[in-house]
Amino acid sequence: MAELGAAAIGAGATIGAALYTAASGFIARHENTHSLQVTEMRRHIADFEATYARGEVAEDDWRAYLAFRNQRVQVVVVYRILL
């Protein structure tokens, strides 16, 4: 009977370790993907703003971009408050 108890405890520990490892791996992949996306987004923003500075973006498009950017900034502020 003690062997069954030991086996159950061992199985539980193994499953717990496997879940922890899987969760840790997911979090690491998520953080890496997020960092890559942020880097790419910053590059796109810099390219778009440089294009505007060269006069290659219509004023309507620039105003739409500024409105969208301001809206996203507010969403980020709320998100950080809720964390």
PDB file of N, CA and C in Angstrom:
ATOM      1  N   MET A   1       0.823  -1.195   0.000  1.00  0.00           N
ATOM      2  CA  MET A   1       0.000   0.000   0.000  1.00  0.00           C
ATOM      3  C   MET A   1       0.868   1.260   0.000  1.00  0.00           C
ATOM      4  N   ALA A   2       1.984   1.182   0.745  1.00  0.00           N
ATOM      5  CA  ALA A   2       2.887   2.328   0.784  1.00  0.00           C
ATOM      6  C   ALA A   2       3.472   2.602  -0.597  1.00  0.00           C
ATOM      7  N   GLU A   3       3.678   1.507  -1.356  1.00  0.00           N
ATOM      8  CA  GLU A   3       4.222   1.679  -2.696  1.00  0.00           C
ATOM      9  C   GLU A   3       3.261   2.464  -3.578  1.00  0.00           C
ATOM     10  N   LEU A   4       1.965   2.209  -3.422  1.00  0.00           N
ATOM     11  CA  LEU A   4       0.968   2.948  -4.200  1.00  0.00           C
ATOM     12  C   LEU A   4       0.984   4.429  -3.846  1.00  0.00           C
ATOM     13  N   GLY A   5       1.106   4.707  -2.554  1.00  0.00           N
ATOM     14  CA  GLY A   5       1.168   6.098  -2.102  1.00  0.00           C
ATOM     15  C   GLY A   5       2.401   6.797  -2.647  1.00  0.00           C
ATOM     16  N   ALA A   6       3.531   6.120  -2.605  1.00  0.00           N
ATOM     17  CA  ALA A   6       4.775   6.687  -3.119  1.00  0.00           C
ATOM     18  C   ALA A   6       4.673   6.895  -4.624  1.00  0.00           C
ATOM     19  N   ALA A   7       4.062   5.934  -5.306  1.00  0.00           N
ATOM     20  CA  ALA A   7       3.895   6.056  -6.750  1.00  0.00           C
ATOM     21  C   ALA A   7       2.990   7.238  -7.081  1.00  0.00           C
ATOM     22  N   ALA A   8       1.918   7.410  -6.314  1.00  0.00           N
ATOM     23  CA  ALA A   8       0.991   8.521  -6.549  1.00  0.00           C
ATOM     24  C   ALA A   8       1.688   9.858  -6.315  1.00  0.00           C
ATOM     25  N   ILE A   9       2.477   9.936  -5.256  1.00  0.00           N
ATOM     26  CA  ILE A   9       3.211  11.175  -4.960  1.00  0.00           C
ATOM     27  C   ILE A   9       4.229  11.448  -6.057  1.00  0.00           C
ATOM     28  N   GLY A  10       4.938  10.404  -6.485  1.00  0.00           N
ATOM     29  CA  GLY A  10       5.922  10.555  -7.552  1.00  0.00           C
ATOM     30  C   GLY A  10       5.276  10.997  -8.861  1.00  0.00           C
ATOM     31  N   ALA A  11       4.127  10.393  -9.174  1.00  0.00           N
ATOM     32  CA  ALA A  11       3.417  10.764 -10.395  1.00  0.00           C
ATOM     33  C   ALA A  11       2.935  12.209 -10.322  1.00  0.00           C
ATOM     34  N   GLY A  12       2.426  12.593  -9.163  1.00  0.00           N
ATOM     35  CA  GLY A  12       1.963  13.968  -8.983  1.00  0.00           C
ATOM     36  C   GLY A  12       3.101  14.967  -9.149  1.00  0.00           C
ATOM     37  N   ALA A  13       4.257  14.630  -8.561  1.00  0.00           N
ATOM     38  CA  ALA A  13       5.415  15.518  -8.684  1.00  0.00           C
ATOM     39  C   ALA A  13       5.889  15.607 -10.127  1.00  0.00           C
ATOM     40  N   THR A  14       5.876  14.486 -10.818  1.00  0.00           N
ATOM     41  CA  THR A  14       6.294  14.467 -12.223  1.00  0.00           C
ATOM     42  C   THR A  14       5.357  15.302 -13.084  1.00  0.00           C
ATOM     43  N   ILE A  15       4.068  15.131 -12.868  1.00  0.00           N
ATOM     44  CA  ILE A  15       3.086  15.914 -13.628  1.00  0.00           C
ATOM     45  C   ILE A  15       3.227  17.394 -13.309  1.00  0.00           C
ATOM     46  N   GLY A  16       3.393  17.717 -12.037  1.00  0.00           N
ATOM     47  CA  GLY A  16       3.577  19.115 -11.643  1.00  0.00           C
ATOM     48  C   GLY A  16       4.806  19.725 -12.284  1.00  0.00           C
ATOM     49  N   ALA A  17       5.911  18.972 -12.301  1.00  0.00           N
ATOM     50  CA  ALA A  17       7.139  19.472 -12.918  1.00  0.00           C
ATOM     51  C   ALA A  17       6.954  19.661 -14.421  1.00  0.00           C
ATOM     52  N   ALA A  18       6.258  18.733 -15.057  1.00  0.00           N
ATOM     53  CA  ALA A  18       6.015  18.838 -16.498  1.00  0.00           C
ATOM     54  C   ALA A  18       5.156  20.062 -16.815  1.00  0.00           C
ATOM     55  N   LEU A  19       4.135  20.299 -16.019  1.00  0.00           N
ATOM     56  CA  LEU A  19       3.280  21.474 -16.234  1.00  0.00           C
ATOM     57  C   LEU A  19       4.055  22.768 -16.035  1.00  0.00           C
ATOM     58  N   TYR A  20       4.884  22.796 -14.989  1.00  0.00           N
ATOM     59  CA  TYR A  20       5.693  23.984 -14.726  1.00  0.00           C
ATOM     60  C   TYR A  20       6.650  24.247 -15.885  1.00  0.00           C
ATOM     61  N   THR A  21       7.298  23.194 -16.385  1.00  0.00           N
ATOM     62  CA  THR A  21       8.231  23.336 -17.494  1.00  0.00           C
ATOM     63  C   THR A  21       7.510  23.824 -18.745  1.00  0.00           C
ATOM     64  N   ALA A  22       6.354  23.251 -19.023  1.00  0.00           N
ATOM     65  CA  ALA A  22       5.585  23.666 -20.203  1.00  0.00           C
ATOM     66  C   ALA A  22       5.158  25.124 -20.077  1.00  0.00           C
ATOM     67  N   ALA A  23       4.694  25.505 -18.891  1.00  0.00           N
ATOM     68  CA  ALA A  23       4.255  26.889 -18.679  1.00  0.00           C
ATOM     69  C   ALA A  23       5.428  27.846 -18.803  1.00  0.00           C
ATOM     70  N   SER A  24       6.567  27.479 -18.248  1.00  0.00           N
ATOM     71  CA  SER A  24       7.753  28.338 -18.323  1.00  0.00           C
ATOM     72  C   SER A  24       8.194  28.514 -19.769  1.00  0.00           C
ATOM     73  N   GLY A  25       8.153  27.428 -20.525  1.00  0.00           N
ATOM     74  CA  GLY A  25       8.529  27.506 -21.932  1.00  0.00           C
ATOM     75  C   GLY A  25       7.586  28.398 -22.714  1.00  0.00           C
ATOM     76  N   PHE A  26       6.295  28.291 -22.429  1.00  0.00           N
ATOM     77  CA  PHE A  26       5.310  29.138 -23.105  1.00  0.00           C
ATOM     78  C   PHE A  26       5.570  30.606 -22.796  1.00  0.00           C
ATOM     79  N   ILE A  27       5.806  30.906 -21.541  1.00  0.00           N
ATOM     80  CA  ILE A  27       6.041  32.302 -21.142  1.00  0.00           C
ATOM     81  C   ILE A  27       7.286  32.844 -21.829  1.00  0.00           C
ATOM     82  N   ALA A  28       8.342  32.049 -21.884  1.00  0.00           N
ATOM     83  CA  ALA A  28       9.576  32.496 -22.529  1.00  0.00           C
ATOM     84  C   ALA A  28       9.342  32.752 -24.023  1.00  0.00           C
ATOM     85  N   ARG A  29       8.625  31.851 -24.681  1.00  0.00           N
ATOM     86  CA  ARG A  29       8.337  32.034 -26.104  1.00  0.00           C
ATOM     87  C   ARG A  29       7.466  33.275 -26.316  1.00  0.00           C
ATOM     88  N   HIS A  30       6.495  33.453 -25.433  1.00  0.00           N
ATOM     89  CA  HIS A  30       5.603  34.610 -25.541  1.00  0.00           C
ATOM     90  C   HIS A  30       6.398  35.908 -25.398  1.00  0.00           C
ATOM     91  N   GLU A  31       7.270  35.967 -24.405  1.00  0.00           N
ATOM     92  CA  GLU A  31       8.064  37.180 -24.182  1.00  0.00           C
ATOM     93  C   GLU A  31       8.983  37.445 -25.368  1.00  0.00           C
ATOM     94  N   ASN A  32       9.587  36.403 -25.911  1.00  0.00           N
ATOM     95  CA  ASN A  32      10.474  36.571 -27.059  1.00  0.00           C
ATOM     96  C   ASN A  32       9.690  37.077 -28.268  1.00  0.00           C
ATOM     97  N   THR A  33       8.552  36.480 -28.528  1.00  0.00           N
ATOM     98  CA  THR A  33       7.717  36.902 -29.653  1.00  0.00           C
ATOM     99  C   THR A  33       7.265  38.342 -29.472  1.00  0.00           C
ATOM    100  N   HIS A  34       6.878  38.693 -28.260  1.00  0.00           N
ATOM    101  CA  HIS A  34       6.435  40.061 -27.984  1.00  0.00           C
ATOM    102  C   HIS A  34       7.572  41.051 -28.242  1.00  0.00           C
ATOM    103  N   SER A  35       8.766  40.727 -27.789  1.00  0.00           N
ATOM    104  CA  SER A  35       9.910  41.617 -28.006  1.00  0.00           C
ATOM    105  C   SER A  35      10.177  41.818 -29.492  1.00  0.00           C
ATOM    106  N   LEU A  36      10.093  40.736 -30.261  1.00  0.00           N
ATOM    107  CA  LEU A  36      10.303  40.847 -31.706  1.00  0.00           C
ATOM    108  C   LEU A  36       9.228  41.709 -32.359  1.00  0.00           C
ATOM    109  N   GLN A  37       7.989  41.541 -31.922  1.00  0.00           N
ATOM    110  CA  GLN A  37       6.896  42.331 -32.480  1.00  0.00           C
ATOM    111  C   GLN A  37       7.051  43.810 -32.149  1.00  0.00           C
ATOM    112  N   VAL A  38       7.464  44.107 -30.926  1.00  0.00           N
ATOM    113  CA  VAL A  38       7.659  45.502 -30.525  1.00  0.00           C
ATOM    114  C   VAL A  38       8.777  46.133 -31.348  1.00  0.00           C
ATOM    115  N   THR A  39       9.859  45.398 -31.534  1.00  0.00           N
ATOM    116  CA  THR A  39      10.975  45.904 -32.335  1.00  0.00           C
ATOM    117  C   THR A  39      10.545  46.179 -33.772  1.00  0.00           C
ATOM    118  N   GLU A  40       9.800  45.245 -34.352  1.00  0.00           N
ATOM    119  CA  GLU A  40       9.322  45.426 -35.720  1.00  0.00           C
ATOM    120  C   GLU A  40       8.352  46.599 -35.820  1.00  0.00           C
ATOM    121  N   MET A  41       7.468  46.731 -34.837  1.00  0.00           N
ATOM    122  CA  MET A  41       6.500  47.833 -34.853  1.00  0.00           C
ATOM    123  C   MET A  41       7.224  49.180 -34.751  1.00  0.00           C
ATOM    124  N   ARG A  42       8.228  49.266 -33.903  1.00  0.00           N
ATOM    125  CA  ARG A  42       8.989  50.521 -33.787  1.00  0.00           C
ATOM    126  C   ARG A  42       9.678  50.871 -35.104  1.00  0.00           C
ATOM    127  N   ARG A  43      10.178  49.862 -35.797  1.00  0.00           N
ATOM    128  CA  ARG A  43      10.813  50.093 -37.094  1.00  0.00           C
ATOM    129  C   ARG A  43       9.787  50.626 -38.098  1.00  0.00           C
ATOM    130  N   HIS A  44       8.587  50.020 -38.107  1.00  0.00           N
ATOM    131  CA  HIS A  44       7.536  50.487 -39.019  1.00  0.00           C
ATOM    132  C   HIS A  44       7.126  51.924 -38.695  1.00  0.00           C
ATOM    133  N   ILE A  45       7.023  52.234 -37.417  1.00  0.00           N
ATOM    134  CA  ILE A  45       6.660  53.598 -37.010  1.00  0.00           C
ATOM    135  C   ILE A  45       7.723  54.585 -37.473  1.00  0.00           C
ATOM    136  N   ALA A  46       8.983  54.260 -37.240  1.00  0.00           N
ATOM    137  CA  ALA A  46      10.078  55.147 -37.655  1.00  0.00           C
ATOM    138  C   ALA A  46      10.075  55.341 -39.172  1.00  0.00           C
ATOM    139  N   ASP A  47       9.833  54.258 -39.908  1.00  0.00           N
ATOM    140  CA  ASP A  47       9.768  54.362 -41.375  1.00  0.00           C
ATOM    141  C   ASP A  47       8.620  55.269 -41.808  1.00  0.00           C
ATOM    142  N   PHE A  48       7.450  55.101 -41.191  1.00  0.00           N
ATOM    143  CA  PHE A  48       6.291  55.909 -41.564  1.00  0.00           C
ATOM    144  C   PHE A  48       6.529  57.381 -41.233  1.00  0.00           C
ATOM    145  N   GLU A  49       7.087  57.646 -40.054  1.00  0.00           N
ATOM    146  CA  GLU A  49       7.339  59.035 -39.664  1.00  0.00           C
ATOM    147  C   GLU A  49       8.402  59.671 -40.553  1.00  0.00           C
ATOM    148  N   ALA A  50       9.396  58.894 -40.963  1.00  0.00           N
ATOM    149  CA  ALA A  50      10.412  59.414 -41.893  1.00  0.00           C
ATOM    150  C   ALA A  50       9.782  59.706 -43.254  1.00  0.00           C
ATOM    151  N   THR A  51       8.875  58.852 -43.668  1.00  0.00           N
ATOM    152  CA  THR A  51       8.175  59.066 -44.936  1.00  0.00           C
ATOM    153  C   THR A  51       7.351  60.347 -44.874  1.00  0.00           C
ATOM    154  N   TYR A  52       6.704  60.591 -43.732  1.00  0.00           N
ATOM    155  CA  TYR A  52       5.937  61.833 -43.555  1.00  0.00           C
ATOM    156  C   TYR A  52       6.875  63.039 -43.603  1.00  0.00           C
ATOM    157  N   ALA A  53       8.026  62.921 -42.941  1.00  0.00           N
ATOM    158  CA  ALA A  53       8.978  64.034 -42.914  1.00  0.00           C
ATOM    159  C   ALA A  53       9.467  64.379 -44.324  1.00  0.00           C
ATOM    160  N   ARG A  54       9.520  63.398 -45.203  1.00  0.00           N
ATOM    161  CA  ARG A  54       9.920  63.642 -46.592  1.00  0.00           C
ATOM    162  C   ARG A  54       8.763  64.180 -47.435  1.00  0.00           C
ATOM    163  N   GLY A  55       7.590  64.289 -46.840  1.00  0.00           N
ATOM    164  CA  GLY A  55       6.437  64.824 -47.546  1.00  0.00           C
ATOM    165  C   GLY A  55       5.727  63.808 -48.425  1.00  0.00           C
ATOM    166  N   GLU A  56       5.923  62.517 -48.140  1.00  0.00           N
ATOM    167  CA  GLU A  56       5.349  61.466 -48.975  1.00  0.00           C
ATOM    168  C   GLU A  56       4.075  60.856 -48.390  1.00  0.00           C
ATOM    169  N   VAL A  57       3.546  61.474 -47.333  1.00  0.00           N
ATOM    170  CA  VAL A  57       2.318  60.982 -46.707  1.00  0.00           C
ATOM    171  C   VAL A  57       1.292  62.110 -46.727  1.00  0.00           C
ATOM    172  N   ALA A  58       0.086  61.781 -47.136  1.00  0.00           N
ATOM    173  CA  ALA A  58      -0.983  62.783 -47.172  1.00  0.00           C
ATOM    174  C   ALA A  58      -1.334  63.219 -45.750  1.00  0.00           C
ATOM    175  N   GLU A  59      -1.735  64.479 -45.618  1.00  0.00           N
ATOM    176  CA  GLU A  59      -2.088  65.018 -44.299  1.00  0.00           C
ATOM    177  C   GLU A  59      -3.226  64.229 -43.644  1.00  0.00           C
ATOM    178  N   ASP A  60      -4.205  63.805 -44.439  1.00  0.00           N
ATOM    179  CA  ASP A  60      -5.309  63.002 -43.881  1.00  0.00           C
ATOM    180  C   ASP A  60      -4.795  61.698 -43.278  1.00  0.00           C
ATOM    181  N   ASP A  61      -3.860  61.056 -43.970  1.00  0.00           N
ATOM    182  CA  ASP A  61      -3.281  59.812 -43.455  1.00  0.00           C
ATOM    183  C   ASP A  61      -2.463  60.077 -42.193  1.00  0.00           C
ATOM    184  N   TRP A  62      -1.748  61.194 -42.185  1.00  0.00           N
ATOM    185  CA  TRP A  62      -0.947  61.540 -41.004  1.00  0.00           C
ATOM    186  C   TRP A  62      -1.847  61.806 -39.795  1.00  0.00           C
ATOM    187  N   ARG A  63      -2.938  62.544 -40.002  1.00  0.00           N
ATOM    188  CA  ARG A  63      -3.873  62.817 -38.901  1.00  0.00           C
ATOM    189  C   ARG A  63      -4.532  61.527 -38.409  1.00  0.00           C
ATOM    190  N   ALA A  64      -4.858  60.635 -39.327  1.00  0.00           N
ATOM    191  CA  ALA A  64      -5.439  59.342 -38.931  1.00  0.00           C
ATOM    192  C   ALA A  64      -4.433  58.540 -38.110  1.00  0.00           C
ATOM    193  N   TYR A  65      -3.169  58.578 -38.521  1.00  0.00           N
ATOM    194  CA  TYR A  65      -2.115  57.894 -37.764  1.00  0.00           C
ATOM    195  C   TYR A  65      -1.978  58.478 -36.367  1.00  0.00           C
ATOM    196  N   LEU A  66      -1.959  59.799 -36.257  1.00  0.00           N
ATOM    197  CA  LEU A  66      -1.822  60.440 -34.941  1.00  0.00           C
ATOM    198  C   LEU A  66      -3.006  60.099 -34.038  1.00  0.00           C
ATOM    199  N   ALA A  67      -4.211  60.095 -34.601  1.00  0.00           N
ATOM    200  CA  ALA A  67      -5.397  59.751 -33.812  1.00  0.00           C
ATOM    201  C   ALA A  67      -5.311  58.303 -33.323  1.00  0.00           C
ATOM    202  N   PHE A  68      -4.918  57.411 -34.212  1.00  0.00           N
ATOM    203  CA  PHE A  68      -4.789  55.998 -33.840  1.00  0.00           C
ATOM    204  C   PHE A  68      -3.709  55.823 -32.779  1.00  0.00           C
ATOM    205  N   ARG A  69      -2.572  56.491 -32.972  1.00  0.00           N
ATOM    206  CA  ARG A  69      -1.473  56.387 -32.003  1.00  0.00           C
ATOM    207  C   ARG A  69      -1.900  56.884 -30.626  1.00  0.00           C
ATOM    208  N   ASN A  70      -2.592  58.016 -30.586  1.00  0.00           N
ATOM    209  CA  ASN A  70      -3.052  58.554 -29.304  1.00  0.00           C
ATOM    210  C   ASN A  70      -4.039  57.616 -28.629  1.00  0.00           C
ATOM    211  N   GLN A  71      -4.907  57.009 -29.418  1.00  0.00           N
ATOM    212  CA  GLN A  71      -5.865  56.035 -28.859  1.00  0.00           C
ATOM    213  C   GLN A  71      -5.122  54.845 -28.273  1.00  0.00           C
ATOM    214  N   ARG A  72      -4.122  54.340 -28.967  1.00  0.00           N
ATOM    215  CA  ARG A  72      -3.347  53.185 -28.494  1.00  0.00           C
ATOM    216  C   ARG A  72      -2.569  53.532 -27.233  1.00  0.00           C
ATOM    217  N   VAL A  73      -2.051  54.759 -27.160  1.00  0.00           N
ATOM    218  CA  VAL A  73      -1.328  55.179 -25.954  1.00  0.00           C
ATOM    219  C   VAL A  73      -2.266  55.134 -24.753  1.00  0.00           C
ATOM    220  N   GLN A  74      -3.496  55.587 -24.930  1.00  0.00           N
ATOM    221  CA  GLN A  74      -4.462  55.550 -23.832  1.00  0.00           C
ATOM    222  C   GLN A  74      -4.779  54.115 -23.417  1.00  0.00           C
ATOM    223  N   VAL A  75      -4.871  53.217 -24.373  1.00  0.00           N
ATOM    224  CA  VAL A  75      -5.125  51.814 -24.058  1.00  0.00           C
ATOM    225  C   VAL A  75      -3.968  51.243 -23.242  1.00  0.00           C
ATOM    226  N   VAL A  76      -2.748  51.585 -23.609  1.00  0.00           N
ATOM    227  CA  VAL A  76      -1.581  51.099 -22.878  1.00  0.00           C
ATOM    228  C   VAL A  76      -1.592  51.640 -21.449  1.00  0.00           C
ATOM    229  N   VAL A  77      -1.952  52.895 -21.290  1.00  0.00           N
ATOM    230  CA  VAL A  77      -1.997  53.495 -19.937  1.00  0.00           C
ATOM    231  C   VAL A  77      -3.006  52.724 -19.075  1.00  0.00           C
ATOM    232  N   VAL A  78      -4.183  52.455 -19.616  1.00  0.00           N
ATOM    233  CA  VAL A  78      -5.203  51.707 -18.870  1.00  0.00           C
ATOM    234  C   VAL A  78      -4.714  50.306 -18.558  1.00  0.00           C
ATOM    235  N   TYR A  79      -4.076  49.667 -19.527  1.00  0.00           N
ATOM    236  CA  TYR A  79      -3.574  48.303 -19.345  1.00  0.00           C
ATOM    237  C   TYR A  79      -2.561  48.266 -18.209  1.00  0.00           C
ATOM    238  N   ARG A  80      -1.659  49.243 -18.191  1.00  0.00           N
ATOM    239  CA  ARG A  80      -0.626  49.267 -17.132  1.00  0.00           C
ATOM    240  C   ARG A  80      -1.220  49.557 -15.774  1.00  0.00           C
ATOM    241  N   ILE A  81      -2.274  50.350 -15.720  1.00  0.00           N
ATOM    242  CA  ILE A  81      -2.943  50.633 -14.452  1.00  0.00           C
ATOM    243  C   ILE A  81      -3.576  49.356 -13.918  1.00  0.00           C
ATOM    244  N   LEU A  82      -4.165  48.562 -14.813  1.00  0.00           N
ATOM    245  CA  LEU A  82      -4.853  47.343 -14.388  1.00  0.00           C
ATOM    246  C   LEU A  82      -3.896  46.242 -13.963  1.00  0.00           C
ATOM    247  N   LEU A  83      -2.646  46.315 -14.388  1.00  0.00           N
ATOM    248  CA  LEU A  83      -1.671  45.309 -13.968  1.00  0.00           C
ATOM    249  C   LEU A  83      -1.389  45.528 -12.534  1.00  0.00           C
TER     250      LEU A  83
END
